[in-house]
Amino acid sequence: MHSDAAAVNFQLNSHLSTLANIHKIYHTLNKLNLTEDIGQDDHQTGSLRSCSSSDCFNKVMPPRKKRRPASGDDLSAKKSRHDSMYRKYDSTRIKTEEEAFSSKRCLEWFYEYAGTEDVVGPEGMEKFCEDIGVEPENVVMLVLAWKLDAQNMGYFTLQEWLKGMTSLQCDTTEKLRNTLDYLRSFLNDSTNFKLIYRYAFDFARQSKYKVINKDQWCNVLEFSRTINLDLSNYDEDGAWPVLLDEFVEWYKDKQMS
């Protein structure tokens, strides 16, 4: 019984920690400006002074006429410009293809974690979390599971993966990493937050630990909204359910160890 309660409380602890940090938004702005001014004035004049036996006068040399390029030179210049334009277009096209979502690439990405199965299990999920740089108990994983409409905790089926990742337009680890802040932003919207919280309750009911009911789940939400993350304002004589009293005791013991 104690092991079951500890497991449930661990889930509650994870949820509490993440809910308490809902309103943190991380922004990274990188700006790079390069300015270079180059000025150059070239003046060229030519003069020829010619003197006769009686007087001298100055003559200014006429401006030089530009040489008309030969037909071969003109074709070569045009070809060079066309080649340059094509290379620029080709590199842009390749970059666009890499950025565009690919179902094939998404499928290959799925099997990196699923192996020969059609579901990502606990071992694959652990590697997946490591690759995207988050802990399994991080709240962003709950939001991701919600977006994938995952039916079982700790598992992503092939169908869930393809449908969810397609909606997120993610087919690589890097793209999903860049989408994590977007996923966290759902928690800042009250409507989405309620949907995610309700999903979390239904999600948790799929596990073997069924000792928490809907009323207790609502109490957890109220607890996370009113009690500080470090539990400094928790009142032991308050009217909190026994489940949360046990959680506070477990959490404080864990902090001291």
C-alpha atoms as a PDB file:
ATOM      1  CA  MET A   1       0.000   0.000   0.000  1.00  0.00           C
ATOM      2  CA  HIS A   2       2.853   2.337   0.885  1.00  0.00           C
ATOM      3  CA  SER A   3       4.579   1.617  -2.433  1.00  0.00           C
ATOM      4  CA  ASP A   4       1.374   2.381  -4.330  1.00  0.00           C
ATOM      5  CA  ALA A   5       0.874   5.628  -2.431  1.00  0.00           C
ATOM      6  CA  ALA A   6       4.505   6.617  -2.961  1.00  0.00           C
ATOM      7  CA  ALA A   7       4.183   6.031  -6.687  1.00  0.00           C
ATOM      8  CA  VAL A   8       1.028   8.120  -6.874  1.00  0.00           C
ATOM      9  CA  ASN A   9       2.534  10.822  -4.705  1.00  0.00           C
ATOM     10  CA  PHE A  10       5.579  10.917  -6.956  1.00  0.00           C
ATOM     11  CA  GLN A  11       3.267  11.642  -9.863  1.00  0.00           C
ATOM     12  CA  LEU A  12       1.557  14.339  -7.812  1.00  0.00           C
ATOM     13  CA  ASN A  13       4.920  15.816  -6.892  1.00  0.00           C
ATOM     14  CA  SER A  14       5.937  16.008 -10.516  1.00  0.00           C
ATOM     15  CA  HIS A  15       2.648  17.636 -11.408  1.00  0.00           C
ATOM     16  CA  LEU A  16       2.919  20.115  -8.549  1.00  0.00           C
ATOM     17  CA  SER A  17       6.420  21.150  -9.512  1.00  0.00           C
ATOM     18  CA  THR A  18       5.460  21.782 -13.079  1.00  0.00           C
ATOM     19  CA  LEU A  19       2.178  23.560 -12.324  1.00  0.00           C
ATOM     20  CA  ALA A  20       3.984  25.933  -9.989  1.00  0.00           C
ATOM     21  CA  ASN A  21       6.172  27.007 -12.900  1.00  0.00           C
ATOM     22  CA  ILE A  22       3.387  27.423 -15.446  1.00  0.00           C
ATOM     23  CA  HIS A  23       3.853  31.169 -15.880  1.00  0.00           C
ATOM     24  CA  LYS A  24       7.552  31.014 -16.751  1.00  0.00           C
ATOM     25  CA  ILE A  25       8.177  31.761 -20.415  1.00  0.00           C
ATOM     26  CA  TYR A  26      11.609  31.650 -21.906  1.00  0.00           C
ATOM     27  CA  HIS A  27      12.518  33.893 -24.802  1.00  0.00           C
ATOM     28  CA  THR A  28      15.832  33.941 -26.601  1.00  0.00           C
ATOM     29  CA  LEU A  29      16.583  36.819 -28.980  1.00  0.00           C
ATOM     30  CA  ASN A  30      19.669  36.737 -31.151  1.00  0.00           C
ATOM     31  CA  LYS A  31      20.434  39.796 -33.199  1.00  0.00           C
ATOM     32  CA  LEU A  32      23.369  40.264 -35.518  1.00  0.00           C
ATOM     33  CA  ASN A  33      23.972  43.505 -37.430  1.00  0.00           C
ATOM     34  CA  LEU A  34      26.898  44.040 -39.719  1.00  0.00           C
ATOM     35  CA  THR A  35      27.372  47.411 -41.363  1.00  0.00           C
ATOM     36  CA  GLU A  36      30.239  48.343 -43.540  1.00  0.00           C
ATOM     37  CA  ASP A  37      30.582  51.601 -45.445  1.00  0.00           C
ATOM     38  CA  ILE A  38      33.107  51.836 -48.191  1.00  0.00           C
ATOM     39  CA  GLY A  39      33.671  55.034 -50.140  1.00  0.00           C
ATOM     40  CA  GLN A  40      36.121  55.603 -52.874  1.00  0.00           C
ATOM     41  CA  ASP A  41      36.459  58.432 -55.372  1.00  0.00           C
ATOM     42  CA  ASP A  42      38.652  58.013 -58.363  1.00  0.00           C
ATOM     43  CA  HIS A  43      39.354  60.978 -60.577  1.00  0.00           C
ATOM     44  CA  GLN A  44      41.434  60.777 -63.633  1.00  0.00           C
ATOM     45  CA  THR A  45      42.263  63.642 -65.947  1.00  0.00           C
ATOM     46  CA  GLY A  46      44.758  63.840 -68.657  1.00  0.00           C
ATOM     47  CA  SER A  47      46.302  66.894 -70.238  1.00  0.00           C
ATOM     48  CA  LEU A  48      48.699  67.421 -73.030  1.00  0.00           C
ATOM     49  CA  ARG A  49      50.677  70.634 -73.245  1.00  0.00           C
ATOM     50  CA  SER A  50      52.037  71.347 -76.620  1.00  0.00           C
ATOM     51  CA  CYS A  51      54.120  74.414 -77.395  1.00  0.00           C
ATOM     52  CA  SER A  52      54.952  75.879 -80.730  1.00  0.00           C
ATOM     53  CA  SER A  53      57.649  78.436 -81.477  1.00  0.00           C
ATOM     54  CA  SER A  54      55.236  81.373 -80.968  1.00  0.00           C
ATOM     55  CA  ASP A  55      52.764  80.230 -78.175  1.00  0.00           C
ATOM     56  CA  CYS A  56      51.528  77.354 -76.013  1.00  0.00           C
ATOM     57  CA  PHE A  57      48.094  76.012 -75.410  1.00  0.00           C
ATOM     58  CA  ASN A  58      46.529  73.265 -73.354  1.00  0.00           C
ATOM     59  CA  LYS A  59      44.544  70.442 -74.748  1.00  0.00           C
ATOM     60  CA  VAL A  60      42.410  68.201 -72.572  1.00  0.00           C
ATOM     61  CA  MET A  61      42.378  64.573 -73.592  1.00  0.00           C
ATOM     62  CA  PRO A  62      38.927  63.323 -74.552  1.00  0.00           C
ATOM     63  CA  PRO A  63      37.297  60.691 -72.254  1.00  0.00           C
ATOM     64  CA  ARG A  64      38.076  57.114 -73.058  1.00  0.00           C
ATOM     65  CA  LYS A  65      35.306  55.169 -74.695  1.00  0.00           C
ATOM     66  CA  LYS A  66      34.331  51.905 -73.058  1.00  0.00           C
ATOM     67  CA  ARG A  67      35.173  48.861 -75.066  1.00  0.00           C
ATOM     68  CA  ARG A  68      32.098  47.078 -76.290  1.00  0.00           C
ATOM     69  CA  PRO A  69      32.267  43.484 -75.117  1.00  0.00           C
ATOM     70  CA  ALA A  70      32.670  40.949 -77.796  1.00  0.00           C
ATOM     71  CA  SER A  71      29.766  38.616 -78.390  1.00  0.00           C
ATOM     72  CA  GLY A  72      31.635  35.784 -76.687  1.00  0.00           C
ATOM     73  CA  ASP A  73      32.329  37.903 -73.596  1.00  0.00           C
ATOM     74  CA  ASP A  74      28.679  38.955 -73.392  1.00  0.00           C
ATOM     75  CA  LEU A  75      27.440  35.348 -73.509  1.00  0.00           C
ATOM     76  CA  SER A  76      29.971  34.340 -70.860  1.00  0.00           C
ATOM     77  CA  ALA A  77      28.805  37.115 -68.509  1.00  0.00           C
ATOM     78  CA  LYS A  78      25.171  36.151 -68.976  1.00  0.00           C
ATOM     79  CA  LYS A  79      25.950  32.485 -68.344  1.00  0.00           C
ATOM     80  CA  SER A  80      27.815  33.411 -65.148  1.00  0.00           C
ATOM     81  CA  ARG A  81      24.821  35.430 -63.889  1.00  0.00           C
ATOM     82  CA  HIS A  82      22.436  32.604 -64.743  1.00  0.00           C
ATOM     83  CA  ASP A  83      24.630  30.053 -62.955  1.00  0.00           C
ATOM     84  CA  SER A  84      24.753  32.265 -59.879  1.00  0.00           C
ATOM     85  CA  MET A  85      20.973  32.671 -59.865  1.00  0.00           C
ATOM     86  CA  TYR A  86      20.462  28.927 -60.278  1.00  0.00           C
ATOM     87  CA  ARG A  87      22.823  28.082 -57.420  1.00  0.00           C
ATOM     88  CA  LYS A  88      20.958  30.519 -55.173  1.00  0.00           C
ATOM     89  CA  TYR A  89      17.593  29.059 -56.194  1.00  0.00           C
ATOM     90  CA  ASP A  90      18.824  25.485 -55.781  1.00  0.00           C
ATOM     91  CA  SER A  91      20.195  26.092 -52.279  1.00  0.00           C
ATOM     92  CA  THR A  92      16.904  27.761 -51.287  1.00  0.00           C
ATOM     93  CA  ARG A  93      14.930  24.831 -52.697  1.00  0.00           C
ATOM     94  CA  ILE A  94      17.051  22.303 -50.758  1.00  0.00           C
ATOM     95  CA  LYS A  95      16.656  24.306 -47.549  1.00  0.00           C
ATOM     96  CA  THR A  96      12.880  24.524 -48.085  1.00  0.00           C
ATOM     97  CA  GLU A  97      12.664  20.758 -48.646  1.00  0.00           C
ATOM     98  CA  GLU A  98      14.566  20.145 -45.397  1.00  0.00           C
ATOM     99  CA  GLU A  99      12.255  22.459 -43.465  1.00  0.00           C
ATOM    100  CA  ALA A 100       9.060  21.027 -44.953  1.00  0.00           C
ATOM    101  CA  PHE A 101       7.347  18.260 -42.989  1.00  0.00           C
ATOM    102  CA  SER A 102       8.000  14.748 -44.292  1.00  0.00           C
ATOM    103  CA  SER A 103       5.807  11.785 -43.291  1.00  0.00           C
ATOM    104  CA  LYS A 104       8.586   9.424 -44.339  1.00  0.00           C
ATOM    105  CA  ARG A 105      11.116  11.210 -42.144  1.00  0.00           C
ATOM    106  CA  CYS A 106       8.608  11.238 -39.265  1.00  0.00           C
ATOM    107  CA  LEU A 107       8.098   7.486 -39.634  1.00  0.00           C
ATOM    108  CA  GLU A 108      11.842   6.823 -39.608  1.00  0.00           C
ATOM    109  CA  TRP A 109      12.140   9.034 -36.531  1.00  0.00           C
ATOM    110  CA  PHE A 110       9.442   6.993 -34.750  1.00  0.00           C
ATOM    111  CA  TYR A 111      11.241   3.677 -35.330  1.00  0.00           C
ATOM    112  CA  GLU A 112      14.434   5.106 -33.825  1.00  0.00           C
ATOM    113  CA  TYR A 113      12.634   4.678 -30.490  1.00  0.00           C
ATOM    114  CA  ALA A 114      10.144   1.922 -31.244  1.00  0.00           C
ATOM    115  CA  GLY A 115      12.634  -0.500 -32.772  1.00  0.00           C
ATOM    116  CA  THR A 116      10.707  -3.276 -34.486  1.00  0.00           C
ATOM    117  CA  GLU A 117       7.466  -2.556 -32.611  1.00  0.00           C
ATOM    118  CA  ASP A 118       4.641  -0.201 -33.534  1.00  0.00           C
ATOM    119  CA  VAL A 119       4.761   1.513 -30.168  1.00  0.00           C
ATOM    120  CA  VAL A 120       7.358   3.504 -28.253  1.00  0.00           C
ATOM    121  CA  GLY A 121       7.608   1.861 -24.832  1.00  0.00           C
ATOM    122  CA  PRO A 122       9.320   2.875 -21.568  1.00  0.00           C
ATOM    123  CA  GLU A 123      12.882   2.235 -22.803  1.00  0.00           C
ATOM    124  CA  GLY A 124      12.306   4.094 -26.049  1.00  0.00           C
ATOM    125  CA  MET A 125      10.544   6.888 -24.161  1.00  0.00           C
ATOM    126  CA  GLU A 126      13.540   7.318 -21.881  1.00  0.00           C
ATOM    127  CA  LYS A 127      15.867   7.726 -24.864  1.00  0.00           C
ATOM    128  CA  PHE A 128      13.352  10.029 -26.553  1.00  0.00           C
ATOM    129  CA  CYS A 129      13.235  12.327 -23.499  1.00  0.00           C
ATOM    130  CA  GLU A 130      17.019  12.337 -23.322  1.00  0.00           C
ATOM    131  CA  ASP A 131      17.295  13.325 -27.002  1.00  0.00           C
ATOM    132  CA  ILE A 132      14.863  16.239 -26.736  1.00  0.00           C
ATOM    133  CA  GLY A 133      16.486  17.375 -23.479  1.00  0.00           C
ATOM    134  CA  VAL A 134      13.653  17.000 -20.936  1.00  0.00           C
ATOM    135  CA  GLU A 135      13.015  14.767 -17.956  1.00  0.00           C
ATOM    136  CA  PRO A 136      10.188  12.204 -18.322  1.00  0.00           C
ATOM    137  CA  GLU A 137       8.260  13.861 -15.484  1.00  0.00           C
ATOM    138  CA  ASN A 138       8.542  17.335 -17.034  1.00  0.00           C
ATOM    139  CA  VAL A 139       5.111  18.858 -17.616  1.00  0.00           C
ATOM    140  CA  VAL A 140       5.933  19.433 -21.283  1.00  0.00           C
ATOM    141  CA  MET A 141       5.784  15.655 -21.766  1.00  0.00           C
ATOM    142  CA  LEU A 142       2.202  15.728 -20.479  1.00  0.00           C
ATOM    143  CA  VAL A 143       1.358  18.466 -22.985  1.00  0.00           C
ATOM    144  CA  LEU A 144       3.028  16.452 -25.754  1.00  0.00           C
ATOM    145  CA  ALA A 145       1.029  13.361 -24.783  1.00  0.00           C
ATOM    146  CA  TRP A 146      -2.103  15.509 -24.889  1.00  0.00           C
ATOM    147  CA  LYS A 147      -1.247  16.776 -28.372  1.00  0.00           C
ATOM    148  CA  LEU A 148      -0.601  13.195 -29.511  1.00  0.00           C
ATOM    149  CA  ASP A 149      -3.805  12.084 -27.734  1.00  0.00           C
ATOM    150  CA  ALA A 150      -1.844   9.230 -26.163  1.00  0.00           C
ATOM    151  CA  GLN A 151      -4.097   6.727 -24.426  1.00  0.00           C
ATOM    152  CA  ASN A 152      -1.545   5.016 -22.188  1.00  0.00           C
ATOM    153  CA  MET A 153       0.984   6.668 -19.896  1.00  0.00           C
ATOM    154  CA  GLY A 154       4.567   6.118 -21.034  1.00  0.00           C
ATOM    155  CA  TYR A 155       3.601   4.822 -24.494  1.00  0.00           C
ATOM    156  CA  PHE A 156       3.206   6.398 -27.937  1.00  0.00           C
ATOM    157  CA  THR A 157       1.656   4.256 -30.651  1.00  0.00           C
ATOM    158  CA  LEU A 158       2.540   4.674 -34.310  1.00  0.00           C
ATOM    159  CA  GLN A 159      -0.873   6.161 -35.096  1.00  0.00           C
ATOM    160  CA  GLU A 160      -0.666   8.607 -32.186  1.00  0.00           C
ATOM    161  CA  TRP A 161       2.854   9.617 -33.184  1.00  0.00           C
ATOM    162  CA  LEU A 162       2.065  10.266 -36.850  1.00  0.00           C
ATOM    163  CA  LYS A 163      -1.162  12.145 -36.147  1.00  0.00           C
ATOM    164  CA  GLY A 164       0.288  14.282 -33.353  1.00  0.00           C
ATOM    165  CA  MET A 165       3.656  15.030 -34.931  1.00  0.00           C
ATOM    166  CA  THR A 166       1.941  15.915 -38.197  1.00  0.00           C
ATOM    167  CA  SER A 167      -0.225  18.477 -36.392  1.00  0.00           C
ATOM    168  CA  LEU A 168       2.955  19.888 -34.797  1.00  0.00           C
ATOM    169  CA  GLN A 169       4.851  19.680 -38.117  1.00  0.00           C
ATOM    170  CA  CYS A 170       7.727  17.895 -36.374  1.00  0.00           C
ATOM    171  CA  ASP A 171       9.636  15.115 -38.102  1.00  0.00           C
ATOM    172  CA  THR A 172      13.020  15.411 -36.388  1.00  0.00           C
ATOM    173  CA  THR A 173      14.383  15.751 -32.860  1.00  0.00           C
ATOM    174  CA  GLU A 174      15.628  19.267 -33.600  1.00  0.00           C
ATOM    175  CA  LYS A 175      12.208  20.460 -34.759  1.00  0.00           C
ATOM    176  CA  LEU A 176      10.545  19.097 -31.633  1.00  0.00           C
ATOM    177  CA  ARG A 177      13.172  20.747 -29.421  1.00  0.00           C
ATOM    178  CA  ASN A 178      12.330  24.054 -31.072  1.00  0.00           C
ATOM    179  CA  THR A 179       8.625  23.411 -30.405  1.00  0.00           C
ATOM    180  CA  LEU A 180       8.904  22.801 -26.648  1.00  0.00           C
ATOM    181  CA  ASP A 181       8.274  26.439 -25.706  1.00  0.00           C
ATOM    182  CA  TYR A 182       5.216  26.414 -27.951  1.00  0.00           C
ATOM    183  CA  LEU A 183       3.926  23.330 -26.121  1.00  0.00           C
ATOM    184  CA  ARG A 184       4.530  24.964 -22.743  1.00  0.00           C
ATOM    185  CA  SER A 185       2.577  28.022 -23.871  1.00  0.00           C
ATOM    186  CA  PHE A 186      -0.628  25.949 -23.868  1.00  0.00           C
ATOM    187  CA  LEU A 187      -0.459  25.988 -20.079  1.00  0.00           C
ATOM    188  CA  ASN A 188      -0.743  29.774 -20.069  1.00  0.00           C
ATOM    189  CA  ASP A 189      -4.161  29.632 -21.689  1.00  0.00           C
ATOM    190  CA  SER A 190      -6.897  28.897 -19.152  1.00  0.00           C
ATOM    191  CA  THR A 191      -9.039  26.912 -21.603  1.00  0.00           C
ATOM    192  CA  ASN A 192      -6.197  24.690 -22.758  1.00  0.00           C
ATOM    193  CA  PHE A 193      -4.944  24.330 -19.198  1.00  0.00           C
ATOM    194  CA  LYS A 194      -8.293  22.906 -18.068  1.00  0.00           C
ATOM    195  CA  LEU A 195      -8.319  20.525 -21.034  1.00  0.00           C
ATOM    196  CA  ILE A 196      -4.801  19.348 -20.235  1.00  0.00           C
ATOM    197  CA  TYR A 197      -5.599  18.975 -16.528  1.00  0.00           C
ATOM    198  CA  ARG A 198      -8.705  16.927 -17.292  1.00  0.00           C
ATOM    199  CA  TYR A 199      -6.705  14.860 -19.759  1.00  0.00           C
ATOM    200  CA  ALA A 200      -4.086  14.249 -17.070  1.00  0.00           C
ATOM    201  CA  PHE A 201      -6.734  12.793 -14.753  1.00  0.00           C
ATOM    202  CA  ASP A 202      -8.139  10.490 -17.433  1.00  0.00           C
ATOM    203  CA  PHE A 203      -4.573   9.690 -18.472  1.00  0.00           C
ATOM    204  CA  ALA A 204      -3.594   8.714 -14.930  1.00  0.00           C
ATOM    205  CA  ARG A 205      -6.649   6.490 -14.551  1.00  0.00           C
ATOM    206  CA  GLN A 206      -5.271   4.261 -17.299  1.00  0.00           C
ATOM    207  CA  SER A 207      -2.389   3.251 -15.019  1.00  0.00           C
ATOM    208  CA  LYS A 208      -2.561   0.510 -12.408  1.00  0.00           C
ATOM    209  CA  TYR A 209      -2.643   3.106  -9.617  1.00  0.00           C
ATOM    210  CA  LYS A 210      -6.311   3.983  -9.129  1.00  0.00           C
ATOM    211  CA  VAL A 211      -6.253   5.289  -5.565  1.00  0.00           C
ATOM    212  CA  ILE A 212      -7.046   8.884  -6.517  1.00  0.00           C
ATOM    213  CA  ASN A 213     -10.548  10.005  -7.390  1.00  0.00           C
ATOM    214  CA  LYS A 214     -11.803  13.061  -9.236  1.00  0.00           C
ATOM    215  CA  ASP A 215     -12.409  15.081  -6.047  1.00  0.00           C
ATOM    216  CA  GLN A 216      -8.851  14.469  -4.918  1.00  0.00           C
ATOM    217  CA  TRP A 217      -7.620  15.428  -8.357  1.00  0.00           C
ATOM    218  CA  CYS A 218      -9.442  18.758  -8.101  1.00  0.00           C
ATOM    219  CA  ASN A 219      -7.905  19.247  -4.659  1.00  0.00           C
ATOM    220  CA  VAL A 220      -4.469  18.772  -6.194  1.00  0.00           C
ATOM    221  CA  LEU A 221      -5.210  21.631  -8.594  1.00  0.00           C
ATOM    222  CA  GLU A 222      -6.297  23.891  -5.743  1.00  0.00           C
ATOM    223  CA  PHE A 223      -3.254  22.799  -3.740  1.00  0.00           C
ATOM    224  CA  SER A 224      -0.895  23.703  -6.574  1.00  0.00           C
ATOM    225  CA  ARG A 225      -2.539  27.110  -6.985  1.00  0.00           C
ATOM    226  CA  THR A 226      -2.418  28.153  -3.337  1.00  0.00           C
ATOM    227  CA  ILE A 227       0.626  26.401  -1.841  1.00  0.00           C
ATOM    228  CA  ASN A 228       4.147  27.613  -2.606  1.00  0.00           C
ATOM    229  CA  LEU A 229       6.492  25.345  -4.479  1.00  0.00           C
ATOM    230  CA  ASP A 230       8.663  24.925  -1.377  1.00  0.00           C
ATOM    231  CA  LEU A 231       5.499  24.215   0.711  1.00  0.00           C
ATOM    232  CA  SER A 232       6.471  27.062   3.051  1.00  0.00           C
ATOM    233  CA  ASN A 233       2.855  28.227   3.469  1.00  0.00           C
ATOM    234  CA  TYR A 234       1.382  24.766   3.941  1.00  0.00           C
ATOM    235  CA  ASP A 235      -0.776  24.525   7.062  1.00  0.00           C
ATOM    236  CA  GLU A 236      -0.649  21.084   8.660  1.00  0.00           C
ATOM    237  CA  ASP A 237      -3.900  21.856  10.447  1.00  0.00           C
ATOM    238  CA  GLY A 238      -5.638  22.828   7.215  1.00  0.00           C
ATOM    239  CA  ALA A 239      -8.520  20.934   5.671  1.00  0.00           C
ATOM    240  CA  TRP A 240      -6.470  19.214   2.996  1.00  0.00           C
ATOM    241  CA  PRO A 241      -7.159  15.555   2.159  1.00  0.00           C
ATOM    242  CA  VAL A 242      -5.014  12.909   3.846  1.00  0.00           C
ATOM    243  CA  LEU A 243      -3.488  12.120   0.472  1.00  0.00           C
ATOM    244  CA  LEU A 244      -1.962  15.609   0.266  1.00  0.00           C
ATOM    245  CA  ASP A 245      -0.849  15.513   3.903  1.00  0.00           C
ATOM    246  CA  GLU A 246       1.042  12.320   3.095  1.00  0.00           C
ATOM    247  CA  PHE A 247       2.468  13.899  -0.015  1.00  0.00           C
ATOM    248  CA  VAL A 248       3.815  16.896   1.943  1.00  0.00           C
ATOM    249  CA  GLU A 249       5.402  14.557   4.470  1.00  0.00           C
ATOM    250  CA  TRP A 250       6.968  12.481   1.688  1.00  0.00           C
ATOM    251  CA  TYR A 251       8.202  15.571  -0.159  1.00  0.00           C
ATOM    252  CA  LYS A 252       9.835  17.114   2.924  1.00  0.00           C
ATOM    253  CA  ASP A 253      11.569  13.813   3.746  1.00  0.00           C
ATOM    254  CA  LYS A 254      12.858  13.678   0.177  1.00  0.00           C
ATOM    255  CA  GLN A 255      14.231  17.256   0.391  1.00  0.00           C
ATOM    256  CA  MET A 256      16.057  16.442   3.612  1.00  0.00           C
ATOM    257  CA  SER A 257      17.620  13.235   2.271  1.00  0.00           C
END
